[in-house]
Amino acid sequence: MASFSDKVVLVMGGSSGMGRVCAEVLAERGAHVLVAARRGETCEAVAAGIREAGGSAEGMAVDVRDAAALEALFTDIGSRFGRLDGAFNNVGQTLGASPTHETPEARFVETLEVNLVSMFRCLQHELKLMLAHGGGAIVNNSSIGGTRGFAGLQDYCASKAGVIGLSKAAALEYATSGIRINVVAPGLIATERFEEARTAHPQVLESRLAEVPMKRAGSMHELAATVCWLLSSESSFLTGAVIAPDGGECAR
């Protein structure tokens, strides 16, 4: 198991779900974790829990849709820590489902703004810090929806496919600069939203589970283990890859 001792690692979207668990696992492995998301109080609560468990972390409030706030965040990281060794960009949202011909353009644009444009902004800032201080590793969170289609979610699928294209292009650009950029494209993961769906929409959830060859959802710790591996030196010859923790769904 790779150690992140003395490493500064940023988790965007670290206040809940996959981001929160990734932050906790990174801290368990020795990283100083920067837990960033829109809800500053929640980020600090996650960081406090990490510190209580013996780890090192702090919460940082930022709205990824706010370009000026993002720039200020990374300026702060650079001035305080002098470097950034790793980043997990857990950025994205789903705003609804509808047939393509009925999808409001405003929803499509907003989905791209959060899921793809904000990812691009985070990536740019991270690259600048890493180029200035000896390299690092970045993992961008896409989705199985970026590798296959889901009817009614054309805005989400387009944005997540864009994350993959963005990441592959950037991985080629920085392959000789000591910076690795990879993608996780999770399938059905048992996040808080999964548990809500189990109660609110059990038939829909059962239908989705039926599409997974393993017939179960992945755990957030399984996803975190994949992210940590991609951020660690154990995956040092891997860049531009798309890893799909999806229970075999993409193999169909």
C-alpha atoms as a PDB file:
ATOM      1  CA  MET A   1       0.000   0.000   0.000  1.00  0.00           C
ATOM      2  CA  ALA A   2       1.546   3.276  -1.155  1.00  0.00           C
ATOM      3  CA  SER A   3       2.218   5.986   1.398  1.00  0.00           C
ATOM      4  CA  PHE A   4       1.311   9.632   0.878  1.00  0.00           C
ATOM      5  CA  SER A   5       3.474  10.820   3.761  1.00  0.00           C
ATOM      6  CA  ASP A   6       4.480  14.484   3.366  1.00  0.00           C
ATOM      7  CA  LYS A   7       2.244  14.844   0.300  1.00  0.00           C
ATOM      8  CA  VAL A   8      -0.269  17.646  -0.148  1.00  0.00           C
ATOM      9  CA  VAL A   9      -3.368  16.303  -1.898  1.00  0.00           C
ATOM     10  CA  LEU A  10      -6.444  18.279  -2.895  1.00  0.00           C
ATOM     11  CA  VAL A  11      -9.876  16.668  -3.056  1.00  0.00           C
ATOM     12  CA  MET A  12     -12.349  18.831  -4.941  1.00  0.00           C
ATOM     13  CA  GLY A  13     -15.906  17.911  -4.013  1.00  0.00           C
ATOM     14  CA  GLY A  14     -14.636  16.393  -0.788  1.00  0.00           C
ATOM     15  CA  SER A  15     -17.547  17.324   1.471  1.00  0.00           C
ATOM     16  CA  SER A  16     -19.617  14.185   0.851  1.00  0.00           C
ATOM     17  CA  GLY A  17     -19.895  10.920  -1.047  1.00  0.00           C
ATOM     18  CA  MET A  18     -16.939   9.613  -3.020  1.00  0.00           C
ATOM     19  CA  GLY A  19     -14.913  12.745  -2.355  1.00  0.00           C
ATOM     20  CA  ARG A  20     -15.313  12.485   1.401  1.00  0.00           C
ATOM     21  CA  VAL A  21     -14.271   8.842   1.518  1.00  0.00           C
ATOM     22  CA  CYS A  22     -11.302   9.504  -0.772  1.00  0.00           C
ATOM     23  CA  ALA A  23     -10.180  12.317   1.525  1.00  0.00           C
ATOM     24  CA  GLU A  24     -10.415  10.026   4.533  1.00  0.00           C
ATOM     25  CA  VAL A  25      -8.467   7.204   2.866  1.00  0.00           C
ATOM     26  CA  LEU A  26      -5.756   9.565   1.607  1.00  0.00           C
ATOM     27  CA  ALA A  27      -5.352  10.941   5.124  1.00  0.00           C
ATOM     28  CA  GLU A  28      -5.135   7.401   6.546  1.00  0.00           C
ATOM     29  CA  ARG A  29      -2.212   6.847   4.167  1.00  0.00           C
ATOM     30  CA  GLY A  30      -0.377   9.927   5.393  1.00  0.00           C
ATOM     31  CA  ALA A  31      -1.426  12.761   3.085  1.00  0.00           C
ATOM     32  CA  HIS A  32      -2.177  16.274   4.227  1.00  0.00           C
ATOM     33  CA  VAL A  33      -5.602  16.534   2.619  1.00  0.00           C
ATOM     34  CA  LEU A  34      -7.253  19.730   1.460  1.00  0.00           C
ATOM     35  CA  VAL A  35     -10.995  19.105   1.497  1.00  0.00           C
ATOM     36  CA  ALA A  36     -12.616  21.586  -0.881  1.00  0.00           C
ATOM     37  CA  ALA A  37     -16.234  22.100  -1.884  1.00  0.00           C
ATOM     38  CA  ARG A  38     -18.969  24.707  -1.961  1.00  0.00           C
ATOM     39  CA  ARG A  39     -20.173  23.933   1.572  1.00  0.00           C
ATOM     40  CA  GLY A  40     -17.338  25.248   3.714  1.00  0.00           C
ATOM     41  CA  GLU A  41     -18.780  24.134   7.051  1.00  0.00           C
ATOM     42  CA  THR A  42     -19.220  20.589   5.772  1.00  0.00           C
ATOM     43  CA  CYS A  43     -15.671  20.551   4.407  1.00  0.00           C
ATOM     44  CA  GLU A  44     -14.330  21.614   7.774  1.00  0.00           C
ATOM     45  CA  ALA A  45     -16.452  18.952   9.499  1.00  0.00           C
ATOM     46  CA  VAL A  46     -14.902  16.289   7.241  1.00  0.00           C
ATOM     47  CA  ALA A  47     -11.436  17.687   7.947  1.00  0.00           C
ATOM     48  CA  ALA A  48     -12.135  17.749  11.689  1.00  0.00           C
ATOM     49  CA  GLY A  49     -13.172  14.096  11.575  1.00  0.00           C
ATOM     50  CA  ILE A  50      -9.919  13.257   9.800  1.00  0.00           C
ATOM     51  CA  ARG A  51      -7.903  15.111  12.426  1.00  0.00           C
ATOM     52  CA  GLU A  52      -9.783  13.388  15.240  1.00  0.00           C
ATOM     53  CA  ALA A  53      -8.823  10.058  13.655  1.00  0.00           C
ATOM     54  CA  GLY A  54      -5.160  11.072  13.704  1.00  0.00           C
ATOM     55  CA  GLY A  55      -4.844  12.402  10.174  1.00  0.00           C
ATOM     56  CA  SER A  56      -3.967  15.789   8.734  1.00  0.00           C
ATOM     57  CA  ALA A  57      -6.567  17.815   6.852  1.00  0.00           C
ATOM     58  CA  GLU A  58      -8.259  21.158   6.506  1.00  0.00           C
ATOM     59  CA  GLY A  59     -11.444  22.357   4.886  1.00  0.00           C
ATOM     60  CA  MET A  60     -11.484  24.937   2.102  1.00  0.00           C
ATOM     61  CA  ALA A  61     -14.671  26.514   0.783  1.00  0.00           C
ATOM     62  CA  VAL A  62     -14.939  27.163  -2.967  1.00  0.00           C
ATOM     63  CA  ASP A  63     -17.607  27.125  -5.648  1.00  0.00           C
ATOM     64  CA  VAL A  64     -16.070  25.602  -8.787  1.00  0.00           C
ATOM     65  CA  ARG A  65     -18.424  27.696 -10.913  1.00  0.00           C
ATOM     66  CA  ASP A  66     -16.737  30.857  -9.637  1.00  0.00           C
ATOM     67  CA  ALA A  67     -13.541  31.352 -11.656  1.00  0.00           C
ATOM     68  CA  ALA A  68     -12.242  34.101  -9.374  1.00  0.00           C
ATOM     69  CA  ALA A  69     -12.838  32.023  -6.235  1.00  0.00           C
ATOM     70  CA  LEU A  70     -11.010  29.062  -7.803  1.00  0.00           C
ATOM     71  CA  GLU A  71      -8.037  31.242  -8.670  1.00  0.00           C
ATOM     72  CA  ALA A  72      -7.949  32.543  -5.095  1.00  0.00           C
ATOM     73  CA  LEU A  73      -8.061  28.991  -3.739  1.00  0.00           C
ATOM     74  CA  PHE A  74      -5.061  27.862  -5.757  1.00  0.00           C
ATOM     75  CA  THR A  75      -3.142  31.047  -4.981  1.00  0.00           C
ATOM     76  CA  ASP A  76      -3.717  30.258  -1.303  1.00  0.00           C
ATOM     77  CA  ILE A  77      -2.548  26.659  -1.753  1.00  0.00           C
ATOM     78  CA  GLY A  78       0.596  27.807  -3.533  1.00  0.00           C
ATOM     79  CA  SER A  79       1.485  30.439  -0.942  1.00  0.00           C
ATOM     80  CA  ARG A  80       0.794  28.247   2.071  1.00  0.00           C
ATOM     81  CA  PHE A  81       2.180  24.903   0.984  1.00  0.00           C
ATOM     82  CA  GLY A  82       4.522  25.753  -1.883  1.00  0.00           C
ATOM     83  CA  ARG A  83       3.365  22.791  -3.920  1.00  0.00           C
ATOM     84  CA  LEU A  84       0.536  20.417  -4.795  1.00  0.00           C
ATOM     85  CA  ASP A  85       1.428  16.738  -5.085  1.00  0.00           C
ATOM     86  CA  GLY A  86      -1.939  15.275  -6.027  1.00  0.00           C
ATOM     87  CA  ALA A  87      -5.518  16.170  -6.836  1.00  0.00           C
ATOM     88  CA  PHE A  88      -8.795  14.303  -7.187  1.00  0.00           C
ATOM     89  CA  ASN A  89     -11.270  16.398  -9.139  1.00  0.00           C
ATOM     90  CA  ASN A  90     -14.583  15.000  -7.977  1.00  0.00           C
ATOM     91  CA  VAL A  91     -16.617  17.564  -9.882  1.00  0.00           C
ATOM     92  CA  GLY A  92     -20.065  17.020 -11.348  1.00  0.00           C
ATOM     93  CA  GLN A  93     -23.807  17.034 -11.020  1.00  0.00           C
ATOM     94  CA  THR A  94     -26.945  15.708 -12.692  1.00  0.00           C
ATOM     95  CA  LEU A  95     -29.690  18.277 -13.214  1.00  0.00           C
ATOM     96  CA  GLY A  96     -32.481  16.079 -14.536  1.00  0.00           C
ATOM     97  CA  ALA A  97     -33.532  13.723 -17.294  1.00  0.00           C
ATOM     98  CA  SER A  98     -35.518  14.336 -20.460  1.00  0.00           C
ATOM     99  CA  PRO A  99     -35.573  13.384 -24.157  1.00  0.00           C
ATOM    100  CA  THR A 100     -33.025  15.349 -26.142  1.00  0.00           C
ATOM    101  CA  HIS A 101     -35.629  17.300 -28.093  1.00  0.00           C
ATOM    102  CA  GLU A 102     -37.243  18.440 -24.829  1.00  0.00           C
ATOM    103  CA  THR A 103     -34.080  19.251 -22.857  1.00  0.00           C
ATOM    104  CA  PRO A 104     -33.854  22.974 -22.082  1.00  0.00           C
ATOM    105  CA  GLU A 105     -30.719  24.501 -23.530  1.00  0.00           C
ATOM    106  CA  ALA A 106     -30.108  26.278 -20.235  1.00  0.00           C
ATOM    107  CA  ARG A 107     -29.877  22.923 -18.427  1.00  0.00           C
ATOM    108  CA  PHE A 108     -27.508  21.528 -21.042  1.00  0.00           C
ATOM    109  CA  VAL A 109     -25.256  24.571 -20.765  1.00  0.00           C
ATOM    110  CA  GLU A 110     -25.286  24.532 -16.950  1.00  0.00           C
ATOM    111  CA  THR A 111     -24.373  20.851 -16.889  1.00  0.00           C
ATOM    112  CA  LEU A 112     -21.398  21.496 -19.161  1.00  0.00           C
ATOM    113  CA  GLU A 113     -20.396  24.531 -17.095  1.00  0.00           C
ATOM    114  CA  VAL A 114     -20.163  22.523 -13.876  1.00  0.00           C
ATOM    115  CA  ASN A 115     -19.081  19.102 -15.129  1.00  0.00           C
ATOM    116  CA  LEU A 116     -16.632  20.102 -17.855  1.00  0.00           C
ATOM    117  CA  VAL A 117     -15.716  23.800 -17.774  1.00  0.00           C
ATOM    118  CA  SER A 118     -15.148  23.745 -14.008  1.00  0.00           C
ATOM    119  CA  MET A 119     -13.079  20.582 -14.393  1.00  0.00           C
ATOM    120  CA  PHE A 120     -10.967  22.391 -16.992  1.00  0.00           C
ATOM    121  CA  ARG A 121     -10.421  25.319 -14.621  1.00  0.00           C
ATOM    122  CA  CYS A 122      -9.365  23.044 -11.760  1.00  0.00           C
ATOM    123  CA  LEU A 123      -7.014  21.147 -14.051  1.00  0.00           C
ATOM    124  CA  GLN A 124      -5.386  24.341 -15.320  1.00  0.00           C
ATOM    125  CA  HIS A 125      -4.653  25.623 -11.822  1.00  0.00           C
ATOM    126  CA  GLU A 126      -3.358  22.250 -10.639  1.00  0.00           C
ATOM    127  CA  LEU A 127      -1.058  21.939 -13.638  1.00  0.00           C
ATOM    128  CA  LYS A 128       0.445  25.375 -13.022  1.00  0.00           C
ATOM    129  CA  LEU A 129       1.272  24.489  -9.412  1.00  0.00           C
ATOM    130  CA  MET A 130       2.679  21.096 -10.352  1.00  0.00           C
ATOM    131  CA  LEU A 131       4.776  22.459 -13.214  1.00  0.00           C
ATOM    132  CA  ALA A 132       6.316  24.989 -10.868  1.00  0.00           C
ATOM    133  CA  HIS A 133       7.149  22.475  -8.156  1.00  0.00           C
ATOM    134  CA  GLY A 134       8.292  19.209  -9.701  1.00  0.00           C
ATOM    135  CA  GLY A 135       5.210  17.375 -10.931  1.00  0.00           C
ATOM    136  CA  GLY A 136       2.349  15.414  -9.427  1.00  0.00           C
ATOM    137  CA  ALA A 137      -0.645  13.230 -10.183  1.00  0.00           C
ATOM    138  CA  ILE A 138      -4.219  14.169 -11.036  1.00  0.00           C
ATOM    139  CA  VAL A 139      -7.339  12.025 -11.187  1.00  0.00           C
ATOM    140  CA  ASN A 140     -10.449  13.411 -12.851  1.00  0.00           C
ATOM    141  CA  ASN A 141     -13.827  11.897 -12.036  1.00  0.00           C
ATOM    142  CA  SER A 142     -15.861  11.085 -15.125  1.00  0.00           C
ATOM    143  CA  SER A 143     -18.570   8.423 -15.146  1.00  0.00           C
ATOM    144  CA  ILE A 144     -19.655   5.317 -16.928  1.00  0.00           C
ATOM    145  CA  GLY A 145     -21.970   7.831 -18.590  1.00  0.00           C
ATOM    146  CA  GLY A 146     -18.899   9.232 -20.338  1.00  0.00           C
ATOM    147  CA  THR A 147     -18.197   5.893 -22.002  1.00  0.00           C
ATOM    148  CA  ARG A 148     -21.749   4.739 -22.796  1.00  0.00           C
ATOM    149  CA  GLY A 149     -25.090   6.430 -23.279  1.00  0.00           C
ATOM    150  CA  PHE A 150     -27.977   6.793 -20.857  1.00  0.00           C
ATOM    151  CA  ALA A 151     -31.280   7.757 -22.443  1.00  0.00           C
ATOM    152  CA  GLY A 152     -32.507  11.091 -21.135  1.00  0.00           C
ATOM    153  CA  LEU A 153     -29.116  12.129 -19.746  1.00  0.00           C
ATOM    154  CA  GLN A 154     -27.552  13.486 -22.915  1.00  0.00           C
ATOM    155  CA  ASP A 155     -26.214  16.599 -21.144  1.00  0.00           C
ATOM    156  CA  TYR A 156     -24.587  14.537 -18.399  1.00  0.00           C
ATOM    157  CA  CYS A 157     -23.139  11.970 -20.812  1.00  0.00           C
ATOM    158  CA  ALA A 158     -21.758  14.681 -23.095  1.00  0.00           C
ATOM    159  CA  SER A 159     -20.078  16.460 -20.190  1.00  0.00           C
ATOM    160  CA  LYS A 160     -18.540  13.285 -18.786  1.00  0.00           C
ATOM    161  CA  ALA A 161     -17.298  12.176 -22.206  1.00  0.00           C
ATOM    162  CA  GLY A 162     -15.721  15.629 -22.441  1.00  0.00           C
ATOM    163  CA  VAL A 163     -13.862  15.020 -19.180  1.00  0.00           C
ATOM    164  CA  ILE A 164     -12.292  11.929 -20.735  1.00  0.00           C
ATOM    165  CA  GLY A 165     -11.214  13.778 -23.876  1.00  0.00           C
ATOM    166  CA  LEU A 166      -9.853  16.692 -21.849  1.00  0.00           C
ATOM    167  CA  SER A 167      -7.872  14.353 -19.607  1.00  0.00           C
ATOM    168  CA  LYS A 168      -6.387  12.294 -22.431  1.00  0.00           C
ATOM    169  CA  ALA A 169      -5.219  15.394 -24.308  1.00  0.00           C
ATOM    170  CA  ALA A 170      -3.675  16.926 -21.189  1.00  0.00           C
ATOM    171  CA  ALA A 171      -2.017  13.629 -20.251  1.00  0.00           C
ATOM    172  CA  LEU A 172      -0.136  13.674 -23.559  1.00  0.00           C
ATOM    173  CA  GLU A 173       0.917  17.289 -23.101  1.00  0.00           C
ATOM    174  CA  TYR A 174       2.497  16.746 -19.679  1.00  0.00           C
ATOM    175  CA  ALA A 175       3.781  13.177 -19.992  1.00  0.00           C
ATOM    176  CA  THR A 176       7.409  14.347 -19.914  1.00  0.00           C
ATOM    177  CA  SER A 177       6.848  16.939 -17.187  1.00  0.00           C
ATOM    178  CA  GLY A 178       6.420  14.586 -14.255  1.00  0.00           C
ATOM    179  CA  ILE A 179       2.644  15.021 -14.233  1.00  0.00           C
ATOM    180  CA  ARG A 180       0.279  12.096 -14.708  1.00  0.00           C
ATOM    181  CA  ILE A 181      -3.413  12.615 -15.486  1.00  0.00           C
ATOM    182  CA  ASN A 182      -5.848   9.716 -15.313  1.00  0.00           C
ATOM    183  CA  VAL A 183      -9.612   9.236 -15.149  1.00  0.00           C
ATOM    184  CA  VAL A 184     -11.965   7.164 -13.055  1.00  0.00           C
ATOM    185  CA  ALA A 185     -15.288   6.408 -14.716  1.00  0.00           C
ATOM    186  CA  PRO A 186     -17.384   4.843 -11.943  1.00  0.00           C
ATOM    187  CA  GLY A 187     -20.473   2.823 -12.553  1.00  0.00           C
ATOM    188  CA  LEU A 188     -23.105   2.364  -9.868  1.00  0.00           C
ATOM    189  CA  ILE A 189     -21.541   3.333  -6.528  1.00  0.00           C
ATOM    190  CA  ALA A 190     -23.343   3.162  -3.186  1.00  0.00           C
ATOM    191  CA  THR A 191     -23.159   6.848  -2.291  1.00  0.00           C
ATOM    192  CA  GLU A 192     -25.685   8.709  -0.165  1.00  0.00           C
ATOM    193  CA  ARG A 193     -27.796   9.241  -3.307  1.00  0.00           C
ATOM    194  CA  PHE A 194     -27.820   5.484  -3.891  1.00  0.00           C
ATOM    195  CA  GLU A 195     -29.282   4.952  -0.428  1.00  0.00           C
ATOM    196  CA  GLU A 196     -31.896   7.642  -1.073  1.00  0.00           C
ATOM    197  CA  ALA A 197     -32.868   5.937  -4.346  1.00  0.00           C
ATOM    198  CA  ARG A 198     -33.193   2.594  -2.562  1.00  0.00           C
ATOM    199  CA  THR A 199     -36.089   4.112  -0.620  1.00  0.00           C
ATOM    200  CA  ALA A 200     -37.569   6.536  -3.129  1.00  0.00           C
ATOM    201  CA  HIS A 201     -37.193   4.588  -6.398  1.00  0.00           C
ATOM    202  CA  PRO A 202     -36.564   0.916  -5.596  1.00  0.00           C
ATOM    203  CA  GLN A 203     -37.750  -0.367  -8.996  1.00  0.00           C
ATOM    204  CA  VAL A 204     -35.476   2.010 -10.893  1.00  0.00           C
ATOM    205  CA  LEU A 205     -32.553   0.982  -8.729  1.00  0.00           C
ATOM    206  CA  GLU A 206     -33.248  -2.713  -9.250  1.00  0.00           C
ATOM    207  CA  SER A 207     -33.318  -2.108 -12.985  1.00  0.00           C
ATOM    208  CA  ARG A 208     -29.897  -0.460 -12.822  1.00  0.00           C
ATOM    209  CA  LEU A 209     -28.466  -3.219 -10.656  1.00  0.00           C
ATOM    210  CA  ALA A 210     -29.644  -5.749 -13.226  1.00  0.00           C
ATOM    211  CA  GLU A 211     -27.336  -4.084 -15.780  1.00  0.00           C
ATOM    212  CA  VAL A 212     -24.250  -4.688 -13.597  1.00  0.00           C
ATOM    213  CA  PRO A 213     -22.637  -8.107 -14.193  1.00  0.00           C
ATOM    214  CA  MET A 214     -21.639  -8.334 -10.513  1.00  0.00           C
ATOM    215  CA  LYS A 215     -25.272  -7.570  -9.538  1.00  0.00           C
ATOM    216  CA  ARG A 216     -24.283  -5.088  -6.873  1.00  0.00           C
ATOM    217  CA  ALA A 217     -23.166  -1.522  -6.450  1.00  0.00           C
ATOM    218  CA  GLY A 218     -19.555  -0.698  -5.724  1.00  0.00           C
ATOM    219  CA  SER A 219     -18.647   0.742  -2.350  1.00  0.00           C
ATOM    220  CA  MET A 220     -17.178   4.196  -1.921  1.00  0.00           C
ATOM    221  CA  HIS A 221     -14.101   2.569  -0.363  1.00  0.00           C
ATOM    222  CA  GLU A 222     -13.605   0.481  -3.508  1.00  0.00           C
ATOM    223  CA  LEU A 223     -13.710   3.665  -5.562  1.00  0.00           C
ATOM    224  CA  ALA A 224     -11.350   5.428  -3.126  1.00  0.00           C
ATOM    225  CA  ALA A 225      -8.840   2.581  -3.382  1.00  0.00           C
ATOM    226  CA  THR A 226      -8.764   3.044  -7.158  1.00  0.00           C
ATOM    227  CA  VAL A 227      -8.287   6.803  -6.884  1.00  0.00           C
ATOM    228  CA  CYS A 228      -5.509   6.418  -4.314  1.00  0.00           C
ATOM    229  CA  TRP A 229      -3.711   3.916  -6.526  1.00  0.00           C
ATOM    230  CA  LEU A 230      -3.885   6.282  -9.490  1.00  0.00           C
ATOM    231  CA  LEU A 231      -2.510   9.128  -7.359  1.00  0.00           C
ATOM    232  CA  SER A 232       0.290   6.992  -5.943  1.00  0.00           C
ATOM    233  CA  SER A 233       3.721   6.030  -7.223  1.00  0.00           C
ATOM    234  CA  GLU A 234       2.423   2.482  -7.686  1.00  0.00           C
ATOM    235  CA  SER A 235       0.801   3.610 -10.958  1.00  0.00           C
ATOM    236  CA  SER A 236       3.858   5.574 -12.101  1.00  0.00           C
ATOM    237  CA  PHE A 237       3.748   4.280 -15.720  1.00  0.00           C
ATOM    238  CA  LEU A 238       0.072   5.093 -16.172  1.00  0.00           C
ATOM    239  CA  THR A 239      -1.215   8.302 -17.712  1.00  0.00           C
ATOM    240  CA  GLY A 240      -4.154   9.086 -19.969  1.00  0.00           C
ATOM    241  CA  ALA A 241      -5.952   5.962 -18.776  1.00  0.00           C
ATOM    242  CA  VAL A 242      -9.649   5.564 -18.051  1.00  0.00           C
ATOM    243  CA  ILE A 243     -10.274   3.144 -15.196  1.00  0.00           C
ATOM    244  CA  ALA A 244     -13.880   2.037 -14.769  1.00  0.00           C
ATOM    245  CA  PRO A 245     -14.843   0.652 -11.356  1.00  0.00           C
ATOM    246  CA  ASP A 246     -18.202  -0.556 -12.668  1.00  0.00           C
ATOM    247  CA  GLY A 247     -18.667  -4.218 -11.762  1.00  0.00           C
ATOM    248  CA  GLY A 248     -18.064  -5.222 -15.387  1.00  0.00           C
ATOM    249  CA  GLU A 249     -20.734  -3.026 -16.952  1.00  0.00           C
ATOM    250  CA  CYS A 250     -18.485  -1.547 -19.660  1.00  0.00           C
ATOM    251  CA  ALA A 251     -17.436  -5.052 -20.681  1.00  0.00           C
ATOM    252  CA  ARG A 252     -20.907  -5.608 -22.115  1.00  0.00           C
END
